[in-house]
Protein backbone atom coordinates (compact mmCIF):
# COMPACT_ATOMS: atom_id res chain seq x y z
CA MET A 1 -29.99 56.55 -36.11
CA ASN A 2 -32.04 55.88 -32.97
CA GLU A 3 -29.77 55.06 -30.02
CA ASN A 4 -32.16 52.33 -28.88
CA VAL A 5 -31.08 50.19 -31.81
CA ASN A 6 -27.64 49.80 -30.24
CA ASP A 7 -29.09 46.92 -28.22
CA HIS A 8 -30.42 45.20 -31.34
CA ASP A 9 -29.17 43.35 -34.38
CA VAL A 10 -30.62 43.54 -37.87
CA LEU A 11 -30.67 41.00 -40.66
CA LEU A 12 -29.25 41.74 -44.10
CA VAL A 13 -30.36 39.62 -47.04
CA ALA A 14 -28.81 39.13 -50.49
CA ASP A 15 -30.59 37.38 -53.34
CA LYS A 16 -28.03 35.16 -55.09
CA LYS A 17 -29.34 36.33 -58.47
CA ASP A 18 -27.96 39.85 -58.07
CA ASN A 19 -26.28 39.80 -54.61
CA LYS A 20 -27.94 43.13 -53.77
CA LEU A 21 -28.00 43.72 -50.02
CA ASN A 22 -31.16 44.90 -48.24
CA VAL A 23 -32.33 44.91 -44.64
CA VAL A 24 -35.07 42.43 -43.74
CA SER A 25 -38.24 44.17 -42.59
CA GLY A 26 -40.39 41.06 -42.15
CA MET A 27 -42.56 38.55 -44.03
CA ASP A 28 -46.02 38.96 -45.47
CA GLU A 29 -48.97 36.63 -44.88
CA ASN A 30 -47.89 34.44 -47.81
CA GLY A 31 -44.39 33.91 -46.45
CA LYS A 32 -42.78 36.29 -48.92
CA LEU A 33 -39.70 38.09 -47.68
CA LYS A 34 -39.99 41.87 -47.23
CA SER A 35 -36.90 44.09 -47.22
CA VAL A 36 -35.85 47.73 -47.49
CA SER A 37 -32.66 49.56 -48.50
CA PRO A 38 -30.04 49.88 -45.71
CA ASN A 39 -30.56 53.64 -45.35
CA ARG A 40 -31.04 55.69 -42.20
CA LYS A 41 -34.50 56.81 -43.33
CA ASN A 42 -35.71 53.18 -43.42
CA GLU A 43 -34.55 52.42 -39.87
CA PRO A 44 -38.12 52.33 -38.43
CA SER A 45 -38.93 49.47 -40.87
CA PHE A 46 -35.95 47.29 -39.93
CA LEU A 47 -36.72 43.93 -38.34
CA LYS A 48 -34.89 44.37 -35.02
CA LEU A 49 -33.55 41.36 -33.15
CA ASP A 50 -32.94 41.43 -29.42
CA LYS A 51 -29.33 40.31 -28.92
CA HIS A 52 -30.40 38.24 -25.93
CA GLY A 53 -33.60 36.81 -27.41
CA ASN A 54 -34.54 34.11 -29.90
CA ALA A 55 -36.29 36.33 -32.46
CA LEU A 56 -33.66 35.50 -35.10
CA GLU A 57 -34.21 31.77 -34.74
CA ASN A 58 -37.98 32.19 -34.78
CA PHE A 59 -37.87 34.32 -37.92
CA LEU A 60 -35.52 32.03 -39.84
CA THR A 61 -37.47 28.93 -38.78
CA ASN A 62 -40.67 30.49 -40.08
CA PHE A 63 -38.92 31.68 -43.26
CA HIS A 64 -37.37 28.25 -43.87
CA ARG A 65 -40.73 26.55 -43.44
CA GLN A 66 -42.81 28.88 -45.62
CA TYR A 67 -40.54 30.11 -48.38
CA LYS A 68 -40.47 28.01 -51.55
CA ASP A 69 -36.70 28.12 -52.03
CA PRO A 70 -34.76 29.57 -49.07
CA THR A 71 -31.40 28.50 -50.54
CA HIS A 72 -31.52 31.38 -53.04
CA PHE A 73 -30.88 33.85 -50.23
CA GLN A 74 -27.88 34.70 -48.08
CA PHE A 75 -28.37 36.25 -44.65
CA PHE A 76 -25.96 38.40 -42.65
CA LYS A 77 -26.43 39.62 -39.08
CA MET A 78 -24.83 42.76 -37.62
CA PRO A 79 -25.49 45.45 -35.00
CA ALA A 80 -28.19 47.85 -36.14
CA ASN A 81 -26.01 50.92 -35.62
CA MET A 82 -23.43 49.54 -38.11
CA VAL A 83 -25.75 48.57 -40.93
CA GLU A 84 -25.55 51.76 -43.01
CA LYS A 85 -21.76 51.90 -42.79
CA MET A 86 -21.07 48.19 -43.29
CA SER A 87 -23.65 47.29 -45.92
CA SER A 88 -21.78 49.07 -48.73
CA SER A 89 -18.54 47.27 -47.77
CA LEU A 90 -20.26 43.89 -47.73
CA GLN A 91 -21.92 44.70 -51.02
CA ASP A 92 -18.49 45.18 -52.64
CA MET A 93 -17.19 41.96 -51.09
CA LEU A 94 -20.14 40.01 -52.55
CA LYS A 95 -18.92 40.96 -56.01
CA HIS A 96 -15.77 38.89 -55.38
CA PRO A 97 -16.69 36.40 -52.62
CA GLU A 98 -13.93 33.98 -53.69
CA VAL A 99 -11.18 36.36 -52.49
CA PRO A 100 -9.95 34.87 -49.16
CA SER A 101 -10.11 38.15 -47.23
CA ASN A 102 -13.63 38.83 -48.51
CA LYS A 103 -14.80 35.30 -47.70
CA GLU A 104 -13.44 35.53 -44.16
CA LYS A 105 -15.21 38.84 -43.55
CA LEU A 106 -18.49 37.68 -45.08
CA ASP A 107 -18.43 34.46 -43.05
CA SER A 108 -18.01 36.46 -39.84
CA TYR A 109 -21.42 38.08 -40.44
CA ARG A 110 -23.14 35.20 -42.27
CA VAL A 111 -26.18 33.38 -40.84
CA SER A 112 -26.44 29.79 -42.14
CA LEU A 113 -29.80 28.11 -42.70
CA ASP A 114 -28.00 24.77 -42.53
CA GLU A 115 -26.77 25.64 -39.04
CA LEU A 116 -30.31 26.56 -38.11
CA SER A 117 -31.56 23.16 -39.30
CA THR A 118 -28.80 21.44 -37.32
CA LYS A 119 -29.62 23.49 -34.26
CA GLN A 120 -33.29 22.57 -34.52
CA ALA A 121 -32.40 18.90 -34.93
CA THR A 122 -30.44 18.99 -31.67
CA LYS A 123 -33.53 19.94 -29.63
CA THR A 124 -33.98 16.57 -28.00
CA ILE A 125 -36.84 15.26 -25.91
CA ASP A 126 -36.59 15.93 -22.20
CA GLU A 127 -36.14 12.48 -20.63
CA ASN A 128 -38.32 13.56 -17.69
CA ARG A 129 -41.29 13.46 -20.08
CA ILE A 130 -40.77 9.76 -20.89
CA ASP A 131 -43.20 7.29 -19.30
CA TRP A 132 -40.71 4.50 -18.57
CA LYS A 133 -43.47 2.33 -17.09
CA GLN A 134 -45.23 2.38 -20.45
CA LEU A 135 -42.05 1.09 -22.08
CA GLU A 136 -41.61 -1.56 -19.40
CA ARG A 137 -45.10 -2.86 -20.16
CA LEU A 138 -43.75 -3.55 -23.64
CA GLY A 139 -40.77 -5.40 -22.19
CA VAL A 140 -38.39 -2.52 -23.00
CA THR A 141 -36.12 -0.79 -20.50
CA ARG A 142 -33.81 2.19 -20.66
CA GLU A 143 -30.88 -0.26 -20.74
CA THR A 144 -32.43 -1.99 -23.77
CA LEU A 145 -32.60 1.30 -25.66
CA GLU A 146 -29.06 2.32 -24.70
CA LYS A 147 -27.45 -1.01 -25.61
CA SER A 148 -29.18 -1.12 -28.99
CA GLY A 149 -28.15 2.45 -29.79
CA SER A 150 -31.82 3.49 -29.96
CA LEU A 151 -32.17 5.96 -27.10
CA GLN A 152 -30.46 8.96 -28.71
CA PRO A 153 -32.22 8.69 -32.10
CA MET A 154 -35.56 8.36 -30.31
CA LEU A 155 -34.79 11.41 -28.15
CA ASN A 156 -34.27 13.25 -31.46
CA TRP A 157 -37.83 12.32 -32.52
CA GLY A 158 -36.65 9.50 -34.76
CA LYS A 159 -37.37 5.79 -34.83
CA SER A 160 -35.15 3.21 -33.20
CA PRO A 161 -32.52 2.37 -35.85
CA VAL A 162 -33.01 -1.36 -35.20
CA LEU A 163 -35.87 -3.73 -34.60
CA LEU A 164 -36.49 -4.24 -30.89
CA PRO A 165 -38.12 -7.34 -29.35
CA ILE A 166 -41.30 -6.29 -27.54
CA SER A 167 -43.78 -8.35 -25.51
CA PRO A 168 -46.98 -6.39 -24.83
CA LYS A 169 -49.57 -8.03 -22.57
CA PHE A 170 -53.31 -8.05 -23.17
CA ASP A 171 -55.14 -9.49 -20.18
CA GLU A 172 -53.49 -12.89 -19.75
CA ILE A 173 -52.06 -13.00 -23.26
CA THR A 174 -48.48 -11.96 -24.09
CA ILE A 175 -47.60 -11.20 -27.70
CA ARG A 176 -43.96 -11.34 -28.72
CA THR A 177 -42.85 -9.58 -31.87
CA ASP A 178 -40.22 -7.22 -33.31
CA ALA A 179 -40.87 -3.54 -33.93
CA ARG A 180 -39.28 -0.14 -34.25
CA LEU A 181 -40.23 2.34 -31.54
CA SER A 182 -40.49 6.12 -31.49
CA PHE A 183 -41.82 8.88 -29.28
CA ARG A 184 -44.83 10.93 -30.39
CA GLU A 185 -46.78 13.80 -28.90
CA THR A 186 -50.54 13.43 -28.48
CA THR A 187 -52.92 16.30 -29.21
CA ASP A 188 -52.95 17.18 -25.52
CA GLY A 189 -49.12 17.48 -25.46
CA LYS A 190 -48.35 14.19 -23.71
CA LEU A 191 -45.44 12.00 -24.81
CA THR A 192 -46.29 8.43 -25.78
CA VAL A 193 -44.59 5.44 -27.41
CA ALA A 194 -45.45 4.63 -31.02
CA ILE A 195 -45.05 0.99 -32.10
CA HIS A 196 -44.01 0.33 -35.71
CA ALA A 197 -44.61 -3.41 -36.03
CA VAL A 198 -43.15 -5.57 -38.78
CA ARG A 199 -45.55 -6.35 -41.60
CA LYS A 200 -45.21 -9.21 -44.04
CA GLU A 201 -45.43 -6.80 -46.96
CA PRO A 202 -46.48 -3.18 -47.56
CA GLU A 203 -50.23 -2.68 -47.95
CA LEU A 204 -50.32 -0.98 -51.33
CA ASP A 205 -53.77 -2.06 -52.50
CA LYS A 206 -55.64 -0.43 -49.61
CA PRO A 207 -56.24 3.35 -49.50
CA TYR A 208 -53.64 5.18 -47.42
CA TYR A 209 -55.29 8.13 -45.69
CA GLY A 210 -57.68 8.34 -48.61
CA ILE A 211 -54.98 7.96 -51.27
CA GLN A 212 -55.26 5.10 -53.76
CA PHE A 213 -51.91 4.17 -55.28
CA THR A 214 -51.58 3.83 -59.04
CA GLU A 215 -49.71 0.92 -60.63
CA GLU A 216 -46.77 3.28 -61.22
CA ASP A 217 -46.80 4.27 -57.54
CA LYS A 218 -46.73 0.61 -56.47
CA LYS A 219 -43.90 -0.18 -58.88
CA ASN A 220 -41.81 2.72 -57.55
CA LEU A 221 -42.49 1.88 -53.90
CA LEU A 222 -41.49 -1.76 -54.36
CA LYS A 223 -38.38 -0.92 -56.39
CA THR A 224 -36.90 2.04 -54.49
CA GLY A 225 -39.03 2.35 -51.36
CA ASN A 226 -40.21 5.81 -52.51
CA ALA A 227 -43.38 6.67 -54.43
CA GLY A 228 -41.49 9.13 -56.64
CA ARG A 229 -44.06 11.93 -56.58
CA LEU A 230 -45.95 14.32 -54.31
CA PHE A 231 -49.39 13.47 -52.91
CA ASN A 232 -52.04 15.92 -51.74
CA PHE A 233 -53.53 14.87 -48.41
CA ASP A 234 -57.12 15.90 -47.77
CA THR A 235 -57.42 18.08 -44.65
CA SER A 236 -61.20 18.15 -44.22
CA GLY A 237 -62.09 21.14 -46.36
CA GLN A 238 -58.84 23.04 -45.80
CA ASN A 239 -56.08 23.40 -48.37
CA PRO A 240 -54.59 20.01 -49.32
CA ILE A 241 -51.18 19.28 -47.80
CA PRO A 242 -48.44 18.07 -50.23
CA ALA A 243 -46.51 15.12 -48.81
CA TYR A 244 -44.02 12.40 -49.76
CA ILE A 245 -44.70 8.70 -49.17
CA SER A 246 -42.10 5.97 -48.65
CA ILE A 247 -41.81 2.48 -47.18
CA ASP A 248 -40.02 1.79 -43.91
CA LYS A 249 -37.72 -0.94 -45.26
CA MET A 250 -37.37 -2.59 -41.83
CA THR A 251 -41.08 -2.93 -41.09
CA ASN A 252 -42.84 -2.50 -44.49
CA GLU A 253 -44.90 0.29 -42.91
CA LEU A 254 -46.01 3.15 -45.17
CA VAL A 255 -44.71 6.53 -43.99
CA ALA A 256 -45.69 10.05 -45.07
CA VAL A 257 -44.01 13.38 -44.34
CA ARG A 258 -45.19 16.87 -45.22
CA ALA A 259 -43.24 18.44 -48.08
CA ASP A 260 -42.74 21.69 -46.17
CA ARG A 261 -40.83 19.77 -43.49
CA ILE A 262 -38.14 18.72 -45.97
CA ARG A 263 -35.38 21.13 -47.00
CA ILE A 264 -34.20 20.71 -50.58
CA PRO A 265 -30.44 21.39 -50.61
CA SER A 266 -28.71 23.31 -53.37
CA GLU A 267 -25.60 21.15 -52.95
CA ILE A 268 -25.20 17.45 -52.15
CA LYS A 269 -21.82 15.97 -51.25
CA GLY A 270 -19.94 18.65 -53.16
CA VAL A 271 -22.18 18.57 -56.26
CA THR A 272 -24.14 21.77 -56.95
CA LEU A 273 -27.69 21.17 -58.20
CA ASP A 274 -29.19 23.18 -61.02
CA ASP A 275 -32.78 24.48 -60.91
CA LYS A 276 -34.10 21.50 -62.87
CA GLN A 277 -32.51 18.98 -60.50
CA MET A 278 -33.80 20.81 -57.42
CA GLN A 279 -37.30 20.90 -58.88
CA SER A 280 -37.17 17.16 -59.61
CA LEU A 281 -36.23 16.50 -55.98
CA LYS A 282 -39.08 18.72 -54.78
CA ASP A 283 -41.46 16.73 -56.97
CA GLY A 284 -40.30 13.51 -55.28
CA LYS A 285 -38.36 12.20 -58.27
CA GLY A 286 -34.92 10.61 -58.13
CA ILE A 287 -31.96 12.33 -59.80
CA GLN A 288 -28.66 10.73 -60.79
CA LEU A 289 -25.58 12.52 -59.45
CA GLU A 290 -21.96 11.70 -60.27
CA ASP A 291 -18.67 12.38 -58.50
CA MET A 292 -20.12 13.09 -55.08
CA LEU A 293 -17.53 13.16 -52.29
CA SER A 294 -18.02 10.84 -49.32
CA LYS A 295 -16.83 11.59 -45.78
CA SER A 296 -13.88 9.26 -46.38
CA GLY A 297 -12.79 11.38 -49.36
CA LYS A 298 -13.91 8.92 -52.06
CA LEU A 299 -15.95 9.85 -55.13
CA PHE A 300 -19.20 7.98 -55.75
CA ASN A 301 -22.29 8.01 -57.98
CA ALA A 302 -25.86 7.43 -56.85
CA THR A 303 -29.51 8.25 -57.43
CA VAL A 304 -30.65 10.83 -54.89
CA GLN A 305 -34.27 11.03 -53.73
CA ILE A 306 -36.47 12.23 -50.86
CA ASN A 307 -37.25 9.43 -48.40
CA ALA A 308 -40.23 10.13 -46.14
CA ASP A 309 -39.15 7.56 -43.54
CA LYS A 310 -35.70 9.13 -43.23
CA ARG A 311 -37.21 12.64 -43.47
CA GLY A 312 -34.57 13.74 -45.92
CA ILE A 313 -32.30 12.75 -48.79
CA GLU A 314 -31.29 9.13 -49.36
CA PHE A 315 -28.77 7.59 -51.76
CA LEU A 316 -29.87 4.70 -53.99
CA PHE A 317 -27.12 2.57 -55.50
CA ASP A 318 -27.24 0.33 -58.55
CA LYS A 319 -25.97 -2.99 -57.22
CA ASP A 320 -24.78 -4.11 -60.67
CA SER A 321 -22.45 -1.14 -61.03
CA ARG A 322 -20.90 -1.24 -57.55
CA HIS A 323 -17.69 -2.93 -58.69
CA THR A 324 -17.21 -0.52 -61.61
CA GLN A 325 -17.91 2.44 -59.37
CA GLN A 326 -15.50 1.27 -56.67
CA GLN A 327 -12.78 0.96 -59.32
CA LYS A 328 -13.59 4.47 -60.56
CA GLN A 329 -13.42 5.78 -57.00
CA THR A 330 -9.97 4.28 -56.54
CA ASN A 331 -8.67 5.68 -59.82
CA SER A 332 -10.23 9.12 -59.28
CA THR A 333 -8.96 9.42 -55.73
CA THR A 334 -5.47 8.40 -56.78
CA ALA A 335 -5.46 10.78 -59.74
CA ASN A 336 -6.52 13.69 -57.55
CA GLN A 337 -3.65 13.24 -55.12
CA GLU A 338 -0.42 14.99 -56.03
CA PHE A 339 2.53 12.61 -55.87
CA VAL A 340 5.43 13.89 -53.79
CA ILE A 341 8.80 13.22 -55.40
CA PRO A 342 11.09 11.64 -52.77
CA LYS A 343 14.52 13.03 -52.04
CA LYS A 344 15.86 9.48 -51.57
CA LEU A 345 15.28 6.21 -53.40
CA GLY A 346 16.53 2.99 -51.87
CA GLY A 347 18.88 4.99 -49.68
CA VAL A 348 20.34 6.95 -52.60
CA GLU A 349 20.15 10.75 -52.41
CA LEU A 350 18.52 12.15 -55.55
CA PRO A 351 20.09 15.38 -56.82
CA GLU A 352 17.64 18.23 -57.45
CA SER A 353 18.15 17.80 -61.19
CA ASP A 354 16.88 14.20 -61.00
CA GLN A 355 13.93 15.24 -58.82
CA ASN A 356 12.99 17.87 -61.40
CA LYS A 357 13.23 15.31 -64.19
CA LEU A 358 10.85 13.00 -62.35
CA LYS A 359 8.41 15.89 -61.82
CA ALA A 360 8.63 16.67 -65.54
CA GLY A 361 7.82 13.04 -66.40
CA GLU A 362 11.33 12.07 -67.52
CA ALA A 363 13.14 8.85 -66.63
CA ILE A 364 16.29 8.82 -64.49
CA TYR A 365 18.84 6.08 -63.83
CA VAL A 366 19.66 5.41 -60.18
CA LYS A 367 22.67 3.30 -59.19
CA GLY A 368 23.34 1.62 -55.88
CA MET A 369 19.82 1.50 -54.41
CA LYS A 370 19.33 -1.07 -51.66
CA ASP A 371 16.49 -3.57 -51.42
CA ARG A 372 14.85 -4.66 -48.16
CA GLU A 373 17.69 -7.07 -47.45
CA GLY A 374 20.29 -4.34 -47.83
CA GLN A 375 21.61 -5.60 -51.19
CA GLU A 376 22.37 -3.08 -53.95
CA TYR A 377 20.61 -2.83 -57.31
CA SER A 378 20.20 -0.26 -60.11
CA ALA A 379 17.20 0.70 -62.24
CA TYR A 380 15.57 3.32 -64.45
CA VAL A 381 12.83 5.20 -62.59
CA LYS A 382 9.89 7.17 -63.99
CA LEU A 383 6.70 8.70 -62.55
CA ASN A 384 3.44 6.94 -63.41
CA PRO A 385 0.90 9.82 -63.23
CA GLU A 386 -2.14 7.57 -63.75
CA GLU A 387 -1.40 5.46 -60.67
CA ASN A 388 0.51 8.13 -58.74
CA LYS A 389 3.59 6.03 -58.13
CA LEU A 390 7.15 5.50 -59.35
CA ASN A 391 7.74 2.68 -61.83
CA PHE A 392 11.05 0.85 -62.15
CA TYR A 393 12.36 -0.39 -65.53
CA ARG A 394 15.21 -2.59 -66.73
CA TRP A 395 15.93 -0.23 -69.61
CA ASN A 396 15.26 3.41 -70.39
CA PRO A 397 11.48 3.76 -70.95
CA ASP A 398 11.99 7.10 -72.74
CA LYS A 399 13.97 5.39 -75.51
CA SER A 400 11.95 2.21 -76.00
CA ASN A 401 8.50 0.68 -75.84
CA ALA A 402 9.45 -1.41 -72.87
CA LYS A 403 6.71 -2.58 -70.57
CA ASP A 404 6.78 -1.75 -66.89
CA ILE A 405 8.56 -4.69 -65.32
CA THR A 406 11.10 -4.48 -62.49
CA PRO A 407 14.58 -3.01 -61.96
CA ASP A 408 17.22 -3.42 -64.63
CA ASN A 409 18.01 -6.88 -65.91
CA ALA A 410 21.07 -7.27 -63.70
CA SER A 411 18.98 -6.76 -60.57
CA LYS A 412 15.69 -8.38 -61.58
CA THR A 413 16.10 -11.69 -59.72
CA GLN A 414 17.80 -10.07 -56.74
CA VAL A 415 15.01 -7.57 -56.04
CA ALA A 416 12.30 -10.17 -56.66
CA VAL A 417 13.80 -12.43 -53.99
CA ASN A 418 15.07 -9.89 -51.46
CA SER A 419 12.23 -7.33 -51.56
CA ASN A 420 9.18 -9.13 -52.92
CA GLY A 421 9.68 -12.59 -51.42
CA SER A 422 9.57 -14.28 -54.84
CA SER A 423 11.76 -17.15 -56.02
CA ASN A 424 12.45 -19.39 -58.99
CA GLU A 425 13.59 -22.99 -59.21
CA ALA A 426 17.22 -21.98 -58.80
CA THR A 427 16.72 -19.73 -55.76
CA LYS A 428 13.83 -21.38 -53.92
CA ASN A 429 16.14 -22.97 -51.31
CA VAL A 430 18.34 -19.91 -50.80
CA ASN A 431 17.82 -18.45 -47.34
CA GLU A 432 20.31 -15.60 -47.69
CA PRO A 433 19.91 -12.28 -49.56
CA LEU A 434 21.10 -12.38 -53.17
CA LYS A 435 23.87 -10.07 -54.32
CA GLN A 436 23.49 -7.55 -57.16
CA GLY A 437 23.13 -9.35 -60.48
CA GLN A 438 22.86 -12.79 -58.82
CA VAL A 439 20.35 -15.14 -60.47
CA LYS A 440 21.32 -18.50 -58.88
CA PRO A 441 22.91 -19.78 -55.65
CA THR A 442 26.66 -19.51 -55.18
CA GLU A 443 28.76 -22.64 -54.55
CA PHE A 444 28.91 -21.71 -50.87
CA GLN A 445 25.12 -21.26 -50.68
CA GLU A 446 24.54 -24.62 -52.41
CA LYS A 447 26.91 -26.35 -49.99
CA LYS A 448 25.30 -24.63 -47.02
CA ASP A 449 21.84 -25.63 -48.23
CA GLU A 450 22.98 -29.27 -48.65
CA ASN A 451 24.33 -29.31 -45.07
CA GLN A 452 21.00 -27.92 -43.79
CA LYS A 453 19.11 -30.68 -45.61
CA ASN A 454 21.36 -33.40 -44.10
CA THR A 455 20.88 -31.92 -40.63
CA LYS A 456 17.09 -31.93 -41.01
CA GLN A 457 17.13 -35.57 -42.19
CA ARG A 458 19.17 -36.66 -39.16
CA ILE A 459 16.76 -34.88 -36.82
CA HIS A 460 13.71 -36.56 -38.35
CA ARG A 461 15.30 -39.97 -38.01
């Protein structure tokens, strides 16, 4: 192989349909990926990437923008002089990618399109380009943007996440209103401030860049904020540009975004999408997904759809089912957590045999446990797998149809008072911990309570 390639990397690509590895040689005029076998004879056709340049990022950005479904491909980067030797090894690893050693090796060479998207998103606006005097004429300062949490989103080409009070002046007239702000580039490359003023309602009856909304479009926009389909924007004789349309829910402004600027993921919150679901998203439709995993580790259900204003996926929740869903989240999260059998219960060491019985779902009887007040009690104990906790019974649950109540009958009142803060008519005036099996005050406790009452009466006189 040519020694000059030692200073270059090459890009290997594997189609997820067959996981066959080839070397990328480029893209044709239609954005279709071109590749060749990783053989020495094809070396002149390899797409070579300068290790110190940005050719890789440029290629993947162009590929991501033009290719219809980039998520069907996996990319791997390695030195050009290693490609013939390593490609066969990687090819074997792709047959069993779930093996930890294979996954680790594959990940060390993998190039992620998601990372590329994140990297692109972090390219913020250079603050030196901002015309702060233009903002000041609107009554907005840098401090205003920082305090409202708007500066960073705007530097990332987004809108201010909140409505900002602005007061533009026209001659001697000052207009005060609320609006979202964003930075936009003019055709001559200058940075300017875009004002997204609040409207009373979205203008759905007027043409929007030549597009007349149907009754179905209006219904969808008012219900979900998204039109639910793709629109073809006229580009003055050129090919029409497919785009999504949504409503900015803060301002009622209509917003459009080109479809090729939105990446359709193959997985959302841990749920893998099939081809039909991905196509529905591409078409602008909403799809219902269940058991997605939130950042806090909870499962949730929602309708997922492209939102043009957010320039990506949004989650739409059915308000009527929130309570049911929250209950399902709690139950699912609890069920998915493995309960750890304790080695001690109420201060009593559990022998390994008892621990094993609990793990196996059998009941055990534990004597001499102590409640929060240090008083002893005894109870049958059994694992409740549905709620991931230990239940305490007054008799053996494996030999009866007893309901889950409290510790055994002899300790029921004691534990209720000492540990749970409960009381009955007999114990409501007892200020001391009850003994095991005690259900009413002792003679000493009654006498002590009577003395305390007499003392309080004398004080109030």
